[in-house]
Amino acid sequence: RGGFYQRPKCLIIEAPIGMINNGVYQQ
């Protein structure tokens, strides 16, 4: 409800093998 700046979480799936990684988006 209140606003603030923060770096969101991110998820990457690499094609074609489908390897999944997660982290923090650098923006």
PDB file of all heavy atoms in Angstrom:
ATOM      1  N   ARG A   1       0.836  -1.213   0.000  1.00  0.00           N
ATOM      2  CA  ARG A   1       0.000   0.000   0.000  1.00  0.00           C
ATOM      3  C   ARG A   1       0.867   1.256   0.000  1.00  0.00           C
ATOM      4  O   ARG A   1       0.531   2.249  -0.601  1.00  0.00           O
ATOM      5  CB  ARG A   1      -0.942  -0.012   1.210  1.00  0.00           C
ATOM      6  CG  ARG A   1      -1.968  -1.144   1.142  1.00  0.00           C
ATOM      7  CD  ARG A   1      -3.019  -1.033   2.227  1.00  0.00           C
ATOM      8  NE  ARG A   1      -3.950  -2.149   2.192  1.00  0.00           N
ATOM      9  CZ  ARG A   1      -4.971  -2.239   1.369  1.00  0.00           C
ATOM     10  NH1 ARG A   1      -5.214  -1.268   0.508  1.00  0.00           N
ATOM     11  NH2 ARG A   1      -5.767  -3.295   1.395  1.00  0.00           N
ATOM     12  N   GLY A   2       1.976   1.188   0.718  1.00  0.00           N
ATOM     13  CA  GLY A   2       2.932   2.287   0.681  1.00  0.00           C
ATOM     14  C   GLY A   2       3.950   2.028  -0.415  1.00  0.00           C
ATOM     15  O   GLY A   2       4.115   0.902  -0.864  1.00  0.00           O
ATOM     16  N   GLY A   3       4.646   3.049  -0.894  1.00  0.00           N
ATOM     17  CA  GLY A   3       5.600   2.858  -1.973  1.00  0.00           C
ATOM     18  C   GLY A   3       7.041   2.944  -1.496  1.00  0.00           C
ATOM     19  O   GLY A   3       7.363   3.753  -0.630  1.00  0.00           O
ATOM     20  N   PHE A   4       7.907   2.124  -2.081  1.00  0.00           N
ATOM     21  CA  PHE A   4       9.339   2.189  -1.787  1.00  0.00           C
ATOM     22  C   PHE A   4      10.102   1.494  -2.910  1.00  0.00           C
ATOM     23  O   PHE A   4       9.557   0.676  -3.651  1.00  0.00           O
ATOM     24  CB  PHE A   4       9.667   1.551  -0.437  1.00  0.00           C
ATOM     25  CG  PHE A   4       9.190   0.129  -0.270  1.00  0.00           C
ATOM     26  CD1 PHE A   4       9.942  -0.948  -0.731  1.00  0.00           C
ATOM     27  CD2 PHE A   4       7.978  -0.137   0.356  1.00  0.00           C
ATOM     28  CE1 PHE A   4       9.504  -2.249  -0.577  1.00  0.00           C
ATOM     29  CE2 PHE A   4       7.525  -1.438   0.519  1.00  0.00           C
ATOM     30  CZ  PHE A   4       8.296  -2.494   0.047  1.00  0.00           C
ATOM     31  N   TYR A   5      11.392   1.840  -3.032  1.00  0.00           N
ATOM     32  CA  TYR A   5      12.240   1.238  -4.051  1.00  0.00           C
ATOM     33  C   TYR A   5      12.947   0.009  -3.492  1.00  0.00           C
ATOM     34  O   TYR A   5      13.390   0.010  -2.345  1.00  0.00           O
ATOM     35  CB  TYR A   5      13.283   2.244  -4.546  1.00  0.00           C
ATOM     36  CG  TYR A   5      12.728   3.275  -5.494  1.00  0.00           C
ATOM     37  CD1 TYR A   5      12.289   4.515  -5.019  1.00  0.00           C
ATOM     38  CD2 TYR A   5      12.630   3.008  -6.860  1.00  0.00           C
ATOM     39  CE1 TYR A   5      11.772   5.464  -5.890  1.00  0.00           C
ATOM     40  CE2 TYR A   5      12.116   3.958  -7.732  1.00  0.00           C
ATOM     41  CZ  TYR A   5      11.692   5.174  -7.241  1.00  0.00           C
ATOM     42  OH  TYR A   5      11.176   6.110  -8.100  1.00  0.00           O
ATOM     43  N   GLN A   6      13.041  -1.018  -4.325  1.00  0.00           N
ATOM     44  CA  GLN A   6      13.694  -2.245  -3.894  1.00  0.00           C
ATOM     45  C   GLN A   6      14.068  -3.075  -5.120  1.00  0.00           C
ATOM     46  O   GLN A   6      13.422  -2.988  -6.163  1.00  0.00           O
ATOM     47  CB  GLN A   6      12.764  -3.061  -2.989  1.00  0.00           C
ATOM     48  CG  GLN A   6      13.420  -4.279  -2.354  1.00  0.00           C
ATOM     49  CD  GLN A   6      12.495  -4.924  -1.334  1.00  0.00           C
ATOM     50  OE1 GLN A   6      11.950  -4.258  -0.462  1.00  0.00           O
ATOM     51  NE2 GLN A   6      12.317  -6.217  -1.435  1.00  0.00           N
ATOM     52  N   ARG A   7      15.104  -3.875  -4.980  1.00  0.00           N
ATOM     53  CA  ARG A   7      15.476  -4.785  -6.065  1.00  0.00           C
ATOM     54  C   ARG A   7      14.617  -6.049  -5.971  1.00  0.00           C
ATOM     55  O   ARG A   7      14.586  -6.694  -4.932  1.00  0.00           O
ATOM     56  CB  ARG A   7      16.960  -5.144  -5.982  1.00  0.00           C
ATOM     57  CG  ARG A   7      17.868  -3.973  -6.328  1.00  0.00           C
ATOM     58  CD  ARG A   7      19.326  -4.349  -6.255  1.00  0.00           C
ATOM     59  NE  ARG A   7      20.169  -3.234  -6.635  1.00  0.00           N
ATOM     60  CZ  ARG A   7      21.494  -3.269  -6.649  1.00  0.00           C
ATOM     61  NH1 ARG A   7      22.127  -4.383  -6.301  1.00  0.00           N
ATOM     62  NH2 ARG A   7      22.186  -2.204  -7.008  1.00  0.00           N
ATOM     63  N   PRO A   8      13.933  -6.395  -7.057  1.00  0.00           N
ATOM     64  CA  PRO A   8      13.045  -7.562  -7.013  1.00  0.00           C
ATOM     65  C   PRO A   8      13.820  -8.873  -7.140  1.00  0.00           C
ATOM     66  O   PRO A   8      15.005  -8.892  -7.467  1.00  0.00           O
ATOM     67  CB  PRO A   8      12.144  -7.356  -8.226  1.00  0.00           C
ATOM     68  CG  PRO A   8      13.012  -6.603  -9.186  1.00  0.00           C
ATOM     69  CD  PRO A   8      13.898  -5.718  -8.364  1.00  0.00           C
ATOM     70  N   LYS A   9      13.128  -9.958  -6.901  1.00  0.00           N
ATOM     71  CA  LYS A   9      13.695 -11.288  -7.094  1.00  0.00           C
ATOM     72  C   LYS A   9      13.553 -11.674  -8.560  1.00  0.00           C
ATOM     73  O   LYS A   9      12.708 -11.128  -9.276  1.00  0.00           O
ATOM     74  CB  LYS A   9      12.980 -12.298  -6.196  1.00  0.00           C
ATOM     75  CG  LYS A   9      13.067 -11.920  -4.722  1.00  0.00           C
ATOM     76  CD  LYS A   9      12.409 -12.933  -3.827  1.00  0.00           C
ATOM     77  CE  LYS A   9      12.441 -12.453  -2.383  1.00  0.00           C
ATOM     78  NZ  LYS A   9      13.814 -12.147  -1.933  1.00  0.00           N
ATOM     79  N   CYS A  10      14.399 -12.596  -8.995  1.00  0.00           N
ATOM     80  CA  CYS A  10      14.340 -12.999 -10.397  1.00  0.00           C
ATOM     81  C   CYS A  10      14.525 -14.506 -10.526  1.00  0.00           C
ATOM     82  O   CYS A  10      15.115 -15.158  -9.661  1.00  0.00           O
ATOM     83  CB  CYS A  10      15.387 -12.258 -11.228  1.00  0.00           C
ATOM     84  SG  CYS A  10      17.077 -12.397 -10.598  1.00  0.00           S
ATOM     85  N   LEU A  11      14.000 -15.023 -11.621  1.00  0.00           N
ATOM     86  CA  LEU A  11      14.070 -16.444 -11.924  1.00  0.00           C
ATOM     87  C   LEU A  11      14.489 -16.604 -13.381  1.00  0.00           C
ATOM     88  O   LEU A  11      13.971 -15.921 -14.258  1.00  0.00           O
ATOM     89  CB  LEU A  11      12.702 -17.096 -11.698  1.00  0.00           C
ATOM     90  CG  LEU A  11      12.579 -18.590 -11.969  1.00  0.00           C
ATOM     91  CD1 LEU A  11      13.340 -19.385 -10.924  1.00  0.00           C
ATOM     92  CD2 LEU A  11      11.118 -19.017 -11.962  1.00  0.00           C
ATOM     93  N   ILE A  12      15.456 -17.489 -13.615  1.00  0.00           N
ATOM     94  CA  ILE A  12      15.938 -17.733 -14.969  1.00  0.00           C
ATOM     95  C   ILE A  12      15.770 -19.212 -15.296  1.00  0.00           C
ATOM     96  O   ILE A  12      16.146 -20.078 -14.496  1.00  0.00           O
ATOM     97  CB  ILE A  12      17.432 -17.375 -15.108  1.00  0.00           C
ATOM     98  CG1 ILE A  12      17.681 -15.906 -14.767  1.00  0.00           C
ATOM     99  CG2 ILE A  12      17.924 -17.666 -16.527  1.00  0.00           C
ATOM    100  CD1 ILE A  12      19.150 -15.563 -14.675  1.00  0.00           C
ATOM    101  N   ILE A  13      15.200 -19.505 -16.470  1.00  0.00           N
ATOM    102  CA  ILE A  13      15.163 -20.868 -16.989  1.00  0.00           C
ATOM    103  C   ILE A  13      15.866 -20.846 -18.343  1.00  0.00           C
ATOM    104  O   ILE A  13      15.452 -20.130 -19.250  1.00  0.00           O
ATOM    105  CB  ILE A  13      13.726 -21.392 -17.136  1.00  0.00           C
ATOM    106  CG1 ILE A  13      12.951 -21.222 -15.834  1.00  0.00           C
ATOM    107  CG2 ILE A  13      13.745 -22.866 -17.537  1.00  0.00           C
ATOM    108  CD1 ILE A  13      11.526 -21.724 -15.886  1.00  0.00           C
ATOM    109  N   GLU A  14      16.927 -21.609 -18.452  1.00  0.00           N
ATOM    110  CA  GLU A  14      17.736 -21.602 -19.663  1.00  0.00           C
ATOM    111  C   GLU A  14      17.265 -22.677 -20.635  1.00  0.00           C
ATOM    112  O   GLU A  14      17.058 -23.827 -20.251  1.00  0.00           O
ATOM    113  CB  GLU A  14      19.207 -21.804 -19.300  1.00  0.00           C
ATOM    114  CG  GLU A  14      19.758 -20.698 -18.404  1.00  0.00           C
ATOM    115  CD  GLU A  14      21.230 -20.870 -18.098  1.00  0.00           C
ATOM    116  OE1 GLU A  14      21.918 -21.561 -18.886  1.00  0.00           O
ATOM    117  OE2 GLU A  14      21.691 -20.317 -17.097  1.00  0.00           O
ATOM    118  N   ALA A  15      17.073 -22.261 -21.886  1.00  0.00           N
ATOM    119  CA  ALA A  15      16.680 -23.200 -22.944  1.00  0.00           C
ATOM    120  C   ALA A  15      17.939 -23.778 -23.596  1.00  0.00           C
ATOM    121  O   ALA A  15      18.960 -23.099 -23.684  1.00  0.00           O
ATOM    122  CB  ALA A  15      15.816 -22.466 -23.970  1.00  0.00           C
ATOM    123  N   PRO A  16      17.885 -25.025 -24.059  1.00  0.00           N
ATOM    124  CA  PRO A  16      16.709 -25.903 -24.050  1.00  0.00           C
ATOM    125  C   PRO A  16      16.601 -26.806 -22.822  1.00  0.00           C
ATOM    126  O   PRO A  16      15.553 -27.381 -22.568  1.00  0.00           O
ATOM    127  CB  PRO A  16      16.937 -26.746 -25.305  1.00  0.00           C
ATOM    128  CG  PRO A  16      18.429 -26.897 -25.374  1.00  0.00           C
ATOM    129  CD  PRO A  16      18.987 -25.590 -24.867  1.00  0.00           C
ATOM    130  N   ILE A  17      17.685 -26.960 -22.073  1.00  0.00           N
ATOM    131  CA  ILE A  17      17.705 -27.995 -21.038  1.00  0.00           C
ATOM    132  C   ILE A  17      16.781 -27.679 -19.862  1.00  0.00           C
ATOM    133  O   ILE A  17      16.351 -28.561 -19.131  1.00  0.00           O
ATOM    134  CB  ILE A  17      19.147 -28.239 -20.545  1.00  0.00           C
ATOM    135  CG1 ILE A  17      19.227 -29.577 -19.809  1.00  0.00           C
ATOM    136  CG2 ILE A  17      19.620 -27.095 -19.651  1.00  0.00           C
ATOM    137  CD1 ILE A  17      20.610 -30.124 -19.660  1.00  0.00           C
ATOM    138  N   GLY A  18      16.449 -26.410 -19.675  1.00  0.00           N
ATOM    139  CA  GLY A  18      15.499 -26.046 -18.630  1.00  0.00           C
ATOM    140  C   GLY A  18      16.096 -25.888 -17.247  1.00  0.00           C
ATOM    141  O   GLY A  18      15.398 -26.036 -16.245  1.00  0.00           O
ATOM    142  N   MET A  19      17.398 -25.587 -17.187  1.00  0.00           N
ATOM    143  CA  MET A  19      18.040 -25.375 -15.888  1.00  0.00           C
ATOM    144  C   MET A  19      17.468 -24.119 -15.230  1.00  0.00           C
ATOM    145  O   MET A  19      17.372 -23.065 -15.857  1.00  0.00           O
ATOM    146  CB  MET A  19      19.550 -25.233 -16.050  1.00  0.00           C
ATOM    147  CG  MET A  19      20.310 -25.077 -14.735  1.00  0.00           C
ATOM    148  SD  MET A  19      22.101 -24.955 -14.977  1.00  0.00           S
ATOM    149  CE  MET A  19      22.443 -26.622 -15.574  1.00  0.00           C
ATOM    150  N   ILE A  20      17.104 -24.235 -13.937  1.00  0.00           N
ATOM    151  CA  ILE A  20      16.448 -23.144 -13.215  1.00  0.00           C
ATOM    152  C   ILE A  20      17.398 -22.545 -12.186  1.00  0.00           C
ATOM    153  O   ILE A  20      18.008 -23.264 -11.392  1.00  0.00           O
ATOM    154  CB  ILE A  20      15.164 -23.639 -12.525  1.00  0.00           C
ATOM    155  CG1 ILE A  20      14.183 -24.207 -13.547  1.00  0.00           C
ATOM    156  CG2 ILE A  20      14.508 -22.501 -11.737  1.00  0.00           C
ATOM    157  CD1 ILE A  20      12.952 -24.835 -12.927  1.00  0.00           C
ATOM    158  N   ASN A  21      17.511 -21.219 -12.206  1.00  0.00           N
ATOM    159  CA  ASN A  21      18.284 -20.480 -11.207  1.00  0.00           C
ATOM    160  C   ASN A  21      17.462 -19.275 -10.741  1.00  0.00           C
ATOM    161  O   ASN A  21      16.640 -18.752 -11.502  1.00  0.00           O
ATOM    162  CB  ASN A  21      19.621 -19.992 -11.776  1.00  0.00           C
ATOM    163  CG  ASN A  21      20.598 -21.124 -12.023  1.00  0.00           C
ATOM    164  OD1 ASN A  21      21.085 -21.748 -11.095  1.00  0.00           O
ATOM    165  ND2 ASN A  21      20.873 -21.397 -13.298  1.00  0.00           N
ATOM    166  N   ASN A  22      17.694 -18.853  -9.524  1.00  0.00           N
ATOM    167  CA  ASN A  22      17.018 -17.653  -9.022  1.00  0.00           C
ATOM    168  C   ASN A  22      18.018 -16.743  -8.334  1.00  0.00           C
ATOM    169  O   ASN A  22      19.102 -17.165  -7.927  1.00  0.00           O
ATOM    170  CB  ASN A  22      15.880 -18.023  -8.070  1.00  0.00           C
ATOM    171  CG  ASN A  22      16.371 -18.655  -6.791  1.00  0.00           C
ATOM    172  OD1 ASN A  22      16.793 -19.825  -6.777  1.00  0.00           O
ATOM    173  ND2 ASN A  22      16.324 -17.919  -5.696  1.00  0.00           N
ATOM    174  N   GLY A  23      17.643 -15.479  -8.203  1.00  0.00           N
ATOM    175  CA  GLY A  23      18.535 -14.506  -7.585  1.00  0.00           C
ATOM    176  C   GLY A  23      17.841 -13.179  -7.360  1.00  0.00           C
ATOM    177  O   GLY A  23      16.618 -13.126  -7.167  1.00  0.00           O
ATOM    178  N   VAL A  24      18.623 -12.099  -7.406  1.00  0.00           N
ATOM    179  CA  VAL A  24      18.106 -10.746  -7.219  1.00  0.00           C
ATOM    180  C   VAL A  24      18.407  -9.931  -8.470  1.00  0.00           C
ATOM    181  O   VAL A  24      19.542  -9.915  -8.965  1.00  0.00           O
ATOM    182  CB  VAL A  24      18.750 -10.070  -5.984  1.00  0.00           C
ATOM    183  CG1 VAL A  24      18.241  -8.630  -5.841  1.00  0.00           C
ATOM    184  CG2 VAL A  24      18.452 -10.863  -4.720  1.00  0.00           C
ATOM    185  N   TYR A  25      17.381  -9.286  -9.005  1.00  0.00           N
ATOM    186  CA  TYR A  25      17.543  -8.494 -10.220  1.00  0.00           C
ATOM    187  C   TYR A  25      18.249  -7.184  -9.889  1.00  0.00           C
ATOM    188  O   TYR A  25      17.864  -6.482  -8.949  1.00  0.00           O
ATOM    189  CB  TYR A  25      16.180  -8.226 -10.857  1.00  0.00           C
ATOM    190  CG  TYR A  25      16.262  -7.977 -12.344  1.00  0.00           C
ATOM    191  CD1 TYR A  25      16.589  -9.004 -13.220  1.00  0.00           C
ATOM    192  CD2 TYR A  25      16.010  -6.720 -12.877  1.00  0.00           C
ATOM    193  CE1 TYR A  25      16.661  -8.794 -14.585  1.00  0.00           C
ATOM    194  CE2 TYR A  25      16.079  -6.492 -14.239  1.00  0.00           C
ATOM    195  CZ  TYR A  25      16.412  -7.537 -15.091  1.00  0.00           C
ATOM    196  OH  TYR A  25      16.491  -7.317 -16.442  1.00  0.00           O
ATOM    197  N   GLN A  26      19.279  -6.856 -10.659  1.00  0.00           N
ATOM    198  CA  GLN A  26      20.141  -5.718 -10.335  1.00  0.00           C
ATOM    199  C   GLN A  26      19.641  -4.388 -10.884  1.00  0.00           C
ATOM    200  O   GLN A  26      20.403  -3.603 -11.435  1.00  0.00           O
ATOM    201  CB  GLN A  26      21.566  -6.002 -10.824  1.00  0.00           C
ATOM    202  CG  GLN A  26      22.213  -7.221 -10.190  1.00  0.00           C
ATOM    203  CD  GLN A  26      22.241  -7.139  -8.675  1.00  0.00           C
ATOM    204  OE1 GLN A  26      22.824  -6.224  -8.100  1.00  0.00           O
ATOM    205  NE2 GLN A  26      21.583  -8.086  -8.015  1.00  0.00           N
ATOM    206  N   GLN A  27      18.362  -4.162 -10.739  1.00  0.00           N
ATOM    207  CA  GLN A  27      17.761  -2.868 -11.066  1.00  0.00           C
ATOM    208  C   GLN A  27      16.681  -2.566 -10.035  1.00  0.00           C
ATOM    209  O   GLN A  27      15.914  -3.465  -9.660  1.00  0.00           O
ATOM    210  CB  GLN A  27      17.154  -2.876 -12.479  1.00  0.00           C
ATOM    211  CG  GLN A  27      18.177  -2.919 -13.586  1.00  0.00           C
ATOM    212  CD  GLN A  27      17.544  -2.864 -14.972  1.00  0.00           C
ATOM    213  OE1 GLN A  27      16.327  -2.845 -15.132  1.00  0.00           O
ATOM    214  NE2 GLN A  27      18.373  -2.829 -16.004  1.00  0.00           N
TER     215      GLN A  27
END
